[in-house]
Every structure is written in structure tokens, then in C-alpha cells.
Amino acid sequence: MPPLGLLHMRAWASLFNRLLRPSGVVCIREVHFHSQVSEAVLTSQLKPQHEKSNFIIKTPKGTRDLSPQQMVVREKILDLVIGCFKRHGAKRLDTPAFELKDFDIAGQFDPMIPDAECLKIMCEILSGLQLGDFLIKISWNDVRHEMVARKGLAPEVADRIGDYIQCHGGVSLVEEMFQDSILSQNKQAIEGLGDLKLLFEYLTLFGIAEKISFDLSLARGLDYYTGVIYEAVLLQTPAQAEESLNVGSVAAGGRYDGLVGMFDPKGHKVPCVGFSIGVERIFAIVEQRMKTSGQKIRTTETQVFVATPQKNFLHERLKLISELWDAGIKAELLYKNNPKLLTQLHYCEHMGIPLAVIIGEQELKEGVIKLRSVASREEVAIKRENLVAEIQKRLSES
């Protein structure tokens, strides 16, 4: 897979004015829902017809359809990512041509504070996704070119930095480079190492320094990075490596202080730092692990199913389910006038619905509703006026 990066350069022309203030960026597109209705319609429409049609449905190139199970997993990933972005004060930004899972901070700030927060957010997301152990590598982009062409270092100093290319570690490696007799005599090298030392100080305060590795062999493929760069990789055991996809980095980013100014006619410089979360790569990993483990995924969030053993009880079911909806309870019923009770209960078990409420002639006469735990199959009669409160209590305890 190609390396992860930040926004494509063509996007920055439309984003420039919005990036003049500090902001976090995240966007998700529309989500399509699947229900008993759409399933029934599709089933009827896809029945063989007498006349052969020349109309062929194709998925557009570069896209794919997602099943309800896949959408549940994808939404959970996006919800966690977006929730983390919001926790750190992100503002949402939508563009007509791009679907983003990025967090970017734009503006003039003191050194390394925004950079450290970006790394903190990356750690929070990867920890929350429970993908296993991970490591975030940090470096400069194209170290020697950066040091000589942009920072003005003498070639011999840059070559000395090159001696550390195969080294990796934490603040101890930065300290070692500080003590180097050649590097310690160069102002630009000391300034760069000072920034890294300050970054590790903030990372330690955030409690994530052990997740960060200073690795000068790291290089990003995009030339607009102007400072610290980083990418996150998963640390897999041999067993995990055999069953998982080789997806490379799952998050990456860095500092790109000169990019936005390229699109400003007046050349205003807008310092920026940010990163991208590889949602598609993470989704591929989670999907593969689900297949391997045989894990079952609920495709709905239904909490209560409304059932009846009686014929001609649709009106009572509709009134009851309306009460549940009005109370904010997620509920559904079968779209049939006289469904069999066994069919209704099997549906609950198949869909993983935790509770069922059953109403019949006897319950209606006594002013009660049977509340059934689908997993244990235990039933208890609840007064109708107390039903909502009892359901809410059980749901809060589960």
C-alpha cells in the first residue's frame, strides 16, 4: 500500500482560509441504513423476470459496497476516532471532494506543544482501537537534505548525523547526540535536538514517551514536511503476522509549515502540524481478525422487540412500540399482521436483541406486559405503567 500522508495538495486551495485559525479536521460522509423494508424490497426486485434486462449494476471503480456487518465495524472505528478528535477541541471541516480522517493544528504556537498533542491523540486512538501493541517512530523528513539544504548545516555535520541513522530510541538517544563533539558545536543541530528534547519532555508528561521511538531511518515520501515527522506501526507477534494483512503504517503525519502559504497570493505563512489515521487499513485489519476468530457482529442496536402470541393484535403491538419509541427506547417488531410467536422469538435470538415484550389477550385483560430476557428465556409480568422504567433499569445494568 502507498504511504499515508496528509491532505492532497489540490485540497489546500479550498482549505486555506479555514486553516488561518487553530482547528482540528475530521469529516465523515453519509451512512446508508439497511432494514427489514429494504431487504424485502430488494428480495422482490431481484426475483428472476421473464424478460432479460440489459441493465447491469456495477460498483464504481475505486469504491466498494459494505455489508451491514462491515458498516457496524466501520462506524465503531470512526466514532472512536471522531470522539477522540472532539475531546481535544477539534472543529469539523467538510469539503465536497475529500473524505478526511485527519487532525490538523494551524497557527503560530510555542515549539513542540501542538506536535506533542498530535502524538498524544494518535496514541489515544490506537490504544482505544485495541489493535495490539504499537510504536510511533519520529524523525526528520530526508534528514541529510533537510540538514544541509534547509538548515544550513555543513556537510560533515550532516554526515555525522548520518552515523546515527541506524540508531533508534527515546530521549537517551537525543541526549547522546547532544554530547557528540561534532554536533554540539553546530548551532542548527543543537536547536533541532533541543526541539526533540523538548518534545520528549512533553511526551513524558503526557505519559506516552515509551510509545515513541526516535528513528532517523524514517523518511516520508512527501516533500512538503518541514520538521518532525512520525508514523505509527503495529508490533505483531509471529502468530498475528501470519493471520493479519501486511498494511504498513496505520497513522502518520508531521509538520508542514510552508504548504498552506503556497496557495496564498500574499505568501502568508501558516505553520501547521497534523496527522492522518489510516481508517481503511485499520478496517482491513479488524475485518481480517473477525473472520479468523469467527466473531459475530450485531448489525442493529435494537434493545427491545415487541411480540405477541395472538392473531389480530397488530394495533396493540403498534401502540406498545410507540410508547417505547417515545421513551427513547430502540425497539422493533415484525412487519406482519399475524406472525408466529416462535418466529418472533427466533428473530430476537438471531439479531441479538436483549429484551422482548410480549402482549396478548391475557396480558391486556390484566394490565400487564410480559418482559422476556432473550438470552436466559426468563419471563416476568410487569404492570404496563411500570414497563418503561423496568426496561430502562435493565438496559442500564447490562
Protein backbone atom coordinates (compact mmCIF):
# COMPACT_ATOMS: atom_id res chain seq x y z
CA MET A 1 0.00 0.00 0.00
CA PRO A 2 1.19 3.59 -0.63
CA PRO A 3 2.47 5.58 2.35
CA LEU A 4 -0.03 7.55 4.38
CA GLY A 5 0.14 11.32 4.10
CA LEU A 6 -1.84 14.45 4.86
CA LEU A 7 -4.29 16.14 2.50
CA HIS A 8 -3.60 16.07 -1.23
CA MET A 9 -2.07 19.39 -2.30
CA ARG A 10 -5.06 20.23 -4.52
CA ALA A 11 -7.25 20.33 -1.43
CA TRP A 12 -5.31 23.14 0.19
CA ALA A 13 -6.54 25.82 -2.18
CA SER A 14 -10.08 25.38 -0.85
CA LEU A 15 -8.98 24.83 2.75
CA PHE A 16 -6.61 27.80 3.06
CA ASN A 17 -8.97 30.37 4.53
CA ARG A 18 -10.30 27.89 7.11
CA LEU A 19 -6.81 26.98 8.27
CA LEU A 20 -5.94 30.52 9.34
CA ARG A 21 -7.16 29.65 12.85
CA PRO A 22 -6.27 26.66 15.07
CA SER A 23 -8.51 23.76 14.20
CA GLY A 24 -8.85 20.03 14.07
CA VAL A 25 -10.24 18.47 10.94
CA VAL A 26 -12.48 15.47 10.62
CA CYS A 27 -15.19 14.54 8.17
CA ILE A 28 -17.39 11.55 7.56
CA ARG A 29 -19.75 11.01 4.67
CA GLU A 30 -23.34 9.80 4.65
CA VAL A 31 -24.22 6.40 6.05
CA HIS A 32 -26.83 4.18 4.41
CA PHE A 33 -29.14 2.10 6.59
CA HIS A 34 -30.46 -1.40 5.98
CA SER A 35 -33.76 -2.61 7.39
CA GLN A 36 -36.46 -5.23 7.03
CA VAL A 37 -38.13 -2.91 4.48
CA SER A 38 -35.13 -2.55 2.17
CA GLU A 39 -34.39 -6.27 2.48
CA ALA A 40 -37.93 -7.14 1.43
CA VAL A 41 -37.91 -4.68 -1.48
CA LEU A 42 -34.54 -5.91 -2.74
CA THR A 43 -35.66 -9.53 -2.48
CA SER A 44 -38.77 -8.87 -4.55
CA GLN A 45 -36.92 -6.79 -7.12
CA LEU A 46 -34.17 -9.35 -7.60
CA LYS A 47 -36.51 -12.27 -8.39
CA PRO A 48 -35.93 -13.71 -11.88
CA GLN A 49 -38.01 -11.97 -14.51
CA HIS A 50 -39.37 -13.44 -17.72
CA GLU A 51 -37.73 -10.72 -19.78
CA LYS A 52 -33.96 -10.44 -19.75
CA SER A 53 -32.73 -6.95 -18.84
CA ASN A 54 -29.63 -5.28 -20.23
CA PHE A 55 -29.35 -3.12 -17.11
CA ILE A 56 -26.30 -4.14 -15.06
CA ILE A 57 -25.49 -2.65 -11.66
CA LYS A 58 -21.77 -2.08 -11.16
CA THR A 59 -19.80 -0.71 -8.25
CA PRO A 60 -17.87 2.42 -9.34
CA LYS A 61 -14.13 1.90 -9.71
CA GLY A 62 -12.16 2.72 -6.59
CA THR A 63 -15.16 2.03 -4.32
CA ARG A 64 -16.78 -1.00 -2.73
CA ASP A 65 -20.06 -1.88 -1.09
CA LEU A 66 -20.07 -2.59 2.63
CA SER A 67 -22.36 -5.14 4.27
CA PRO A 68 -24.32 -4.25 7.44
CA GLN A 69 -21.73 -6.17 9.50
CA GLN A 70 -18.89 -4.23 7.87
CA MET A 71 -20.70 -0.94 8.43
CA VAL A 72 -21.03 -1.66 12.16
CA VAL A 73 -17.27 -2.19 12.45
CA ARG A 74 -16.50 0.85 10.31
CA GLU A 75 -18.82 3.10 12.32
CA LYS A 76 -17.26 1.96 15.60
CA ILE A 77 -13.81 2.86 14.27
CA LEU A 78 -14.97 6.26 13.02
CA ASP A 79 -16.91 7.00 16.22
CA LEU A 80 -13.81 6.33 18.31
CA VAL A 81 -11.60 8.47 16.05
CA ILE A 82 -14.06 11.35 15.89
CA GLY A 83 -14.77 11.18 19.62
CA CYS A 84 -11.05 11.48 20.34
CA PHE A 85 -10.73 14.44 17.96
CA LYS A 86 -13.63 16.22 19.69
CA ARG A 87 -12.14 15.52 23.11
CA HIS A 88 -9.14 17.56 22.01
CA GLY A 89 -11.21 20.51 20.79
CA ALA A 90 -11.40 19.69 17.08
CA LYS A 91 -13.68 21.64 14.75
CA ARG A 92 -15.27 19.80 11.84
CA LEU A 93 -14.43 20.68 8.25
CA ASP A 94 -16.17 19.23 5.20
CA THR A 95 -15.07 19.53 1.60
CA PRO A 96 -17.01 18.31 -1.47
CA ALA A 97 -14.21 16.19 -2.89
CA PHE A 98 -12.41 14.63 0.06
CA GLU A 99 -13.23 12.24 2.87
CA LEU A 100 -10.87 13.05 5.75
CA LYS A 101 -9.77 11.29 8.91
CA ASP A 102 -7.19 13.91 9.75
CA PHE A 103 -6.38 16.09 12.73
CA ASP A 104 -4.53 19.32 11.96
CA ILE A 105 -3.45 22.28 14.09
CA ALA A 106 -2.78 25.52 12.23
CA GLY A 107 -1.34 28.71 13.71
CA GLN A 108 1.67 30.23 15.44
CA PHE A 109 2.34 28.49 18.75
CA ASP A 110 5.25 27.78 21.06
CA PRO A 111 7.56 24.95 19.91
CA MET A 112 6.51 21.32 20.17
CA ILE A 113 3.28 21.80 22.15
CA PRO A 114 0.95 21.11 19.17
CA ASP A 115 3.31 18.37 17.93
CA ALA A 116 3.16 16.61 21.30
CA GLU A 117 -0.64 16.77 21.39
CA CYS A 118 -0.87 15.24 17.91
CA LEU A 119 1.21 12.31 19.10
CA LYS A 120 -0.92 12.03 22.24
CA ILE A 121 -4.10 11.87 20.14
CA MET A 122 -2.57 9.24 17.88
CA CYS A 123 -1.74 7.12 20.94
CA GLU A 124 -5.24 7.50 22.38
CA ILE A 125 -6.85 6.37 19.13
CA LEU A 126 -4.59 3.36 18.58
CA SER A 127 -4.97 2.30 22.23
CA GLY A 128 -8.75 2.67 22.04
CA LEU A 129 -8.99 0.56 18.89
CA GLN A 130 -7.29 -2.32 20.75
CA LEU A 131 -5.26 -3.41 17.74
CA GLY A 132 -2.41 -4.64 19.92
CA ASP A 133 0.94 -3.11 20.78
CA PHE A 134 2.17 -0.28 18.57
CA LEU A 135 5.11 2.07 18.18
CA ILE A 136 5.27 5.61 16.82
CA LYS A 137 8.52 6.44 15.07
CA ILE A 138 9.59 10.08 14.84
CA SER A 139 12.33 11.69 12.75
CA TRP A 140 13.02 14.44 10.20
CA ASN A 141 11.97 14.01 6.61
CA ASP A 142 15.03 13.27 4.43
CA VAL A 143 17.42 14.03 7.25
CA ARG A 144 20.62 14.87 5.37
CA HIS A 145 18.91 17.05 2.73
CA GLU A 146 16.96 18.78 5.49
CA MET A 147 20.10 19.48 7.48
CA VAL A 148 22.25 20.71 4.57
CA ALA A 149 19.88 22.39 2.12
CA ARG A 150 17.31 23.84 4.50
CA LYS A 151 19.02 24.22 7.86
CA GLY A 152 22.41 25.28 6.52
CA LEU A 153 24.43 22.59 8.25
CA ALA A 154 27.91 21.84 7.00
CA PRO A 155 28.05 18.52 5.09
CA GLU A 156 30.39 17.00 7.67
CA VAL A 157 27.86 17.75 10.42
CA ALA A 158 25.07 16.19 8.36
CA ASP A 159 27.29 13.17 7.73
CA ARG A 160 27.80 12.87 11.46
CA ILE A 161 24.04 12.83 11.89
CA GLY A 162 24.01 10.14 9.22
CA ASP A 163 26.07 7.94 11.54
CA TYR A 164 23.02 7.83 13.80
CA ILE A 165 20.65 6.74 11.01
CA GLN A 166 20.60 3.11 12.16
CA CYS A 167 20.04 4.10 15.77
CA HIS A 168 16.67 4.38 17.42
CA GLY A 169 15.49 5.07 20.94
CA GLY A 170 13.98 7.69 23.18
CA VAL A 171 15.28 10.77 24.91
CA SER A 172 18.52 8.92 25.72
CA LEU A 173 19.42 8.90 22.01
CA VAL A 174 18.73 12.63 21.81
CA GLU A 175 20.97 13.17 24.85
CA GLU A 176 23.71 11.09 23.22
CA MET A 177 23.58 13.25 20.10
CA PHE A 178 23.70 16.35 22.32
CA GLN A 179 27.01 15.09 23.73
CA ASP A 180 28.51 14.40 20.29
CA SER A 181 31.65 16.53 19.85
CA ILE A 182 30.80 17.50 16.26
CA LEU A 183 27.07 18.07 16.62
CA SER A 184 27.45 20.04 19.86
CA GLN A 185 29.49 22.68 18.02
CA ASN A 186 26.77 23.41 15.45
CA LYS A 187 24.03 25.88 16.32
CA GLN A 188 21.41 24.44 13.94
CA ALA A 189 21.99 20.88 15.13
CA ILE A 190 21.70 21.95 18.76
CA GLU A 191 18.46 23.82 18.00
CA GLY A 192 16.97 20.78 16.27
CA LEU A 193 18.00 18.42 19.04
CA GLY A 194 16.69 20.94 21.58
CA ASP A 195 13.28 20.77 19.94
CA LEU A 196 13.32 16.97 20.10
CA LYS A 197 14.37 17.02 23.75
CA LEU A 198 11.53 19.43 24.50
CA LEU A 199 9.13 17.17 22.57
CA PHE A 200 10.13 14.15 24.65
CA GLU A 201 9.68 16.22 27.81
CA TYR A 202 6.07 16.91 26.82
CA LEU A 203 5.53 13.28 25.75
CA THR A 204 6.72 12.14 29.17
CA LEU A 205 4.22 14.48 30.84
CA PHE A 206 1.50 13.01 28.61
CA GLY A 207 2.56 9.51 29.70
CA ILE A 208 3.31 8.23 26.20
CA ALA A 209 7.11 8.53 25.91
CA GLU A 210 7.51 4.73 25.96
CA LYS A 211 5.37 4.53 22.81
CA ILE A 212 7.65 6.89 20.87
CA SER A 213 10.94 5.94 19.19
CA PHE A 214 13.38 8.50 17.75
CA ASP A 215 14.35 6.77 14.50
CA LEU A 216 16.42 8.71 11.95
CA SER A 217 15.93 5.97 9.34
CA LEU A 218 12.30 7.04 8.99
CA ALA A 219 11.57 9.08 5.87
CA ARG A 220 8.22 10.24 4.49
CA GLY A 221 7.68 10.33 0.75
CA LEU A 222 6.13 13.82 0.62
CA ASP A 223 8.40 16.84 0.22
CA TYR A 224 6.24 19.44 1.99
CA TYR A 225 7.18 18.30 5.50
CA THR A 226 9.39 20.89 7.20
CA GLY A 227 10.21 19.39 10.58
CA VAL A 228 9.37 16.46 12.78
CA ILE A 229 7.64 13.56 11.02
CA TYR A 230 6.12 10.44 12.50
CA GLU A 231 4.29 7.24 11.65
CA ALA A 232 2.68 4.51 13.72
CA VAL A 233 3.19 0.79 13.10
CA LEU A 234 1.69 -2.23 14.79
CA LEU A 235 4.03 -4.58 16.66
CA GLN A 236 2.81 -8.07 15.85
CA THR A 237 3.72 -11.43 17.27
CA PRO A 238 4.67 -14.11 14.68
CA ALA A 239 1.24 -15.70 15.08
CA GLN A 240 -0.51 -12.37 14.48
CA ALA A 241 1.69 -11.66 11.46
CA GLU A 242 0.58 -14.92 9.81
CA GLU A 243 -3.13 -14.17 10.20
CA SER A 244 -3.03 -10.42 9.53
CA LEU A 245 -2.60 -8.29 6.45
CA ASN A 246 0.68 -6.51 5.88
CA VAL A 247 -0.70 -2.98 5.81
CA GLY A 248 2.37 -0.93 6.77
CA SER A 249 1.77 2.18 8.83
CA VAL A 250 -1.67 2.79 10.33
CA ALA A 251 -1.21 6.51 11.08
CA ALA A 252 1.29 9.15 10.00
CA GLY A 253 1.90 12.87 9.87
CA GLY A 254 4.26 15.67 10.73
CA ARG A 255 4.93 19.39 10.49
CA TYR A 256 4.34 21.22 7.20
CA ASP A 257 4.83 24.94 7.86
CA GLY A 258 5.19 26.02 4.23
CA LEU A 259 2.40 24.22 2.44
CA VAL A 260 -0.59 26.47 3.11
CA GLY A 261 1.37 29.59 2.15
CA MET A 262 1.91 28.14 -1.33
CA PHE A 263 -1.75 28.82 -2.06
CA ASP A 264 -1.92 32.33 -0.60
CA PRO A 265 -1.32 35.11 -3.18
CA LYS A 266 0.30 37.23 -0.46
CA GLY A 267 2.50 34.39 0.71
CA HIS A 268 1.28 34.39 4.31
CA LYS A 269 2.97 31.60 6.24
CA VAL A 270 0.68 29.41 8.32
CA PRO A 271 2.56 26.90 10.50
CA CYS A 272 0.75 23.56 10.56
CA VAL A 273 1.14 20.15 12.12
CA GLY A 274 -1.17 17.18 11.83
CA PHE A 275 -1.65 13.54 11.03
CA SER A 276 -3.87 11.06 9.22
CA ILE A 277 -5.47 7.94 10.64
CA GLY A 278 -5.47 5.04 8.17
CA VAL A 279 -9.10 4.08 8.70
CA GLU A 280 -9.21 1.81 5.64
CA ARG A 281 -6.08 -0.03 6.75
CA ILE A 282 -7.37 -0.38 10.31
CA PHE A 283 -10.71 -1.60 8.96
CA ALA A 284 -8.90 -4.25 6.89
CA ILE A 285 -7.04 -5.46 10.00
CA VAL A 286 -10.18 -5.63 12.16
CA GLU A 287 -12.15 -7.34 9.39
CA GLN A 288 -9.45 -9.98 8.92
CA ARG A 289 -9.29 -10.68 12.66
CA MET A 290 -13.07 -11.01 12.81
CA LYS A 291 -13.01 -13.60 10.04
CA THR A 292 -10.24 -15.54 11.77
CA SER A 293 -11.97 -15.57 15.15
CA GLY A 294 -15.48 -16.14 13.78
CA GLN A 295 -16.74 -13.22 15.84
CA LYS A 296 -20.42 -12.37 15.36
CA ILE A 297 -21.36 -8.71 14.95
CA ARG A 298 -24.76 -7.23 15.76
CA THR A 299 -26.00 -5.19 12.81
CA THR A 300 -28.67 -3.28 14.76
CA GLU A 301 -28.85 -1.51 18.11
CA THR A 302 -32.38 -2.70 18.86
CA GLN A 303 -32.91 -3.06 22.61
CA VAL A 304 -36.47 -4.40 22.77
CA PHE A 305 -38.61 -6.49 20.43
CA VAL A 306 -42.41 -6.25 20.61
CA ALA A 307 -44.06 -9.65 20.15
CA THR A 308 -47.46 -11.30 20.51
CA PRO A 309 -48.76 -14.89 20.54
CA GLN A 310 -52.23 -13.74 19.37
CA LYS A 311 -53.72 -13.15 15.97
CA ASN A 312 -55.23 -9.73 15.16
CA PHE A 313 -53.07 -7.95 17.74
CA LEU A 314 -51.21 -5.61 15.39
CA HIS A 315 -52.91 -2.49 16.80
CA GLU A 316 -51.85 -3.36 20.34
CA ARG A 317 -48.28 -4.00 19.19
CA LEU A 318 -48.19 -0.67 17.37
CA LYS A 319 -49.45 1.21 20.44
CA LEU A 320 -46.91 -0.53 22.66
CA ILE A 321 -43.95 0.05 20.38
CA SER A 322 -44.92 3.70 20.03
CA GLU A 323 -44.73 4.05 23.83
CA LEU A 324 -41.22 2.58 23.76
CA TRP A 325 -40.07 4.84 20.93
CA ASP A 326 -41.46 7.91 22.70
CA ALA A 327 -39.43 6.93 25.78
CA GLY A 328 -36.24 6.83 23.67
CA ILE A 329 -36.01 3.03 23.66
CA LYS A 330 -34.74 1.36 20.48
CA ALA A 331 -37.45 -1.13 19.52
CA GLU A 332 -38.79 -3.02 16.54
CA LEU A 333 -41.44 -5.54 15.53
CA LEU A 334 -42.10 -7.80 12.56
CA TYR A 335 -43.97 -6.14 9.73
CA LYS A 336 -46.68 -8.80 9.64
CA ASN A 337 -50.27 -8.84 10.90
CA ASN A 338 -50.14 -12.30 12.45
CA PRO A 339 -46.58 -13.53 12.90
CA LYS A 340 -45.98 -16.78 14.77
CA LEU A 341 -44.58 -16.33 18.28
CA LEU A 342 -41.77 -18.80 17.63
CA THR A 343 -40.75 -16.83 14.51
CA GLN A 344 -40.65 -13.63 16.54
CA LEU A 345 -38.54 -15.15 19.32
CA HIS A 346 -36.13 -16.75 16.84
CA TYR A 347 -35.71 -13.33 15.23
CA CYS A 348 -34.76 -11.85 18.61
CA GLU A 349 -32.12 -14.51 19.19
CA HIS A 350 -30.72 -14.25 15.67
CA MET A 351 -30.40 -10.46 15.86
CA GLY A 352 -29.03 -10.45 19.41
CA ILE A 353 -31.86 -8.32 20.80
CA PRO A 354 -31.56 -8.49 24.61
CA LEU A 355 -35.22 -7.99 25.64
CA ALA A 356 -38.66 -8.86 24.30
CA VAL A 357 -42.03 -7.59 25.46
CA ILE A 358 -44.99 -9.89 24.86
CA ILE A 359 -48.60 -8.75 24.80
CA GLY A 360 -51.65 -11.00 24.38
CA GLU A 361 -55.28 -11.19 25.41
CA GLN A 362 -54.48 -12.29 28.96
CA GLU A 363 -51.85 -9.54 29.45
CA LEU A 364 -54.23 -6.94 28.03
CA LYS A 365 -57.00 -8.04 30.40
CA GLU A 366 -54.69 -7.93 33.46
CA GLY A 367 -52.99 -4.67 32.52
CA VAL A 368 -49.52 -6.24 32.39
CA ILE A 369 -46.82 -6.95 29.82
CA LYS A 370 -44.51 -9.96 29.83
CA LEU A 371 -40.87 -8.90 29.82
CA ARG A 372 -38.59 -11.64 28.47
CA SER A 373 -34.81 -11.88 28.73
CA VAL A 374 -33.92 -13.32 25.34
CA ALA A 375 -30.65 -14.91 26.49
CA SER A 376 -31.99 -16.67 29.60
CA ARG A 377 -35.58 -17.02 28.30
CA GLU A 378 -36.88 -15.95 31.69
CA GLU A 379 -40.18 -14.04 31.70
CA VAL A 380 -41.79 -11.79 34.29
CA ALA A 381 -45.10 -9.90 34.28
CA ILE A 382 -44.71 -6.12 34.65
CA LYS A 383 -47.53 -3.62 35.15
CA ARG A 384 -47.86 -1.65 31.94
CA GLU A 385 -47.34 1.71 33.64
CA ASN A 386 -44.03 0.42 35.06
CA LEU A 387 -42.77 -1.21 31.86
CA VAL A 388 -40.64 1.66 30.52
CA ALA A 389 -38.93 2.21 33.86
CA GLU A 390 -38.17 -1.52 34.23
CA ILE A 391 -36.74 -1.74 30.69
CA GLN A 392 -34.56 1.31 31.25
CA LYS A 393 -33.32 -0.14 34.54
CA ARG A 394 -32.35 -3.44 32.91
CA LEU A 395 -30.65 -1.75 29.99
CA SER A 396 -28.60 0.46 32.33
CA GLU A 397 -27.46 -2.62 34.26
CA SER A 398 -26.44 -4.61 31.20
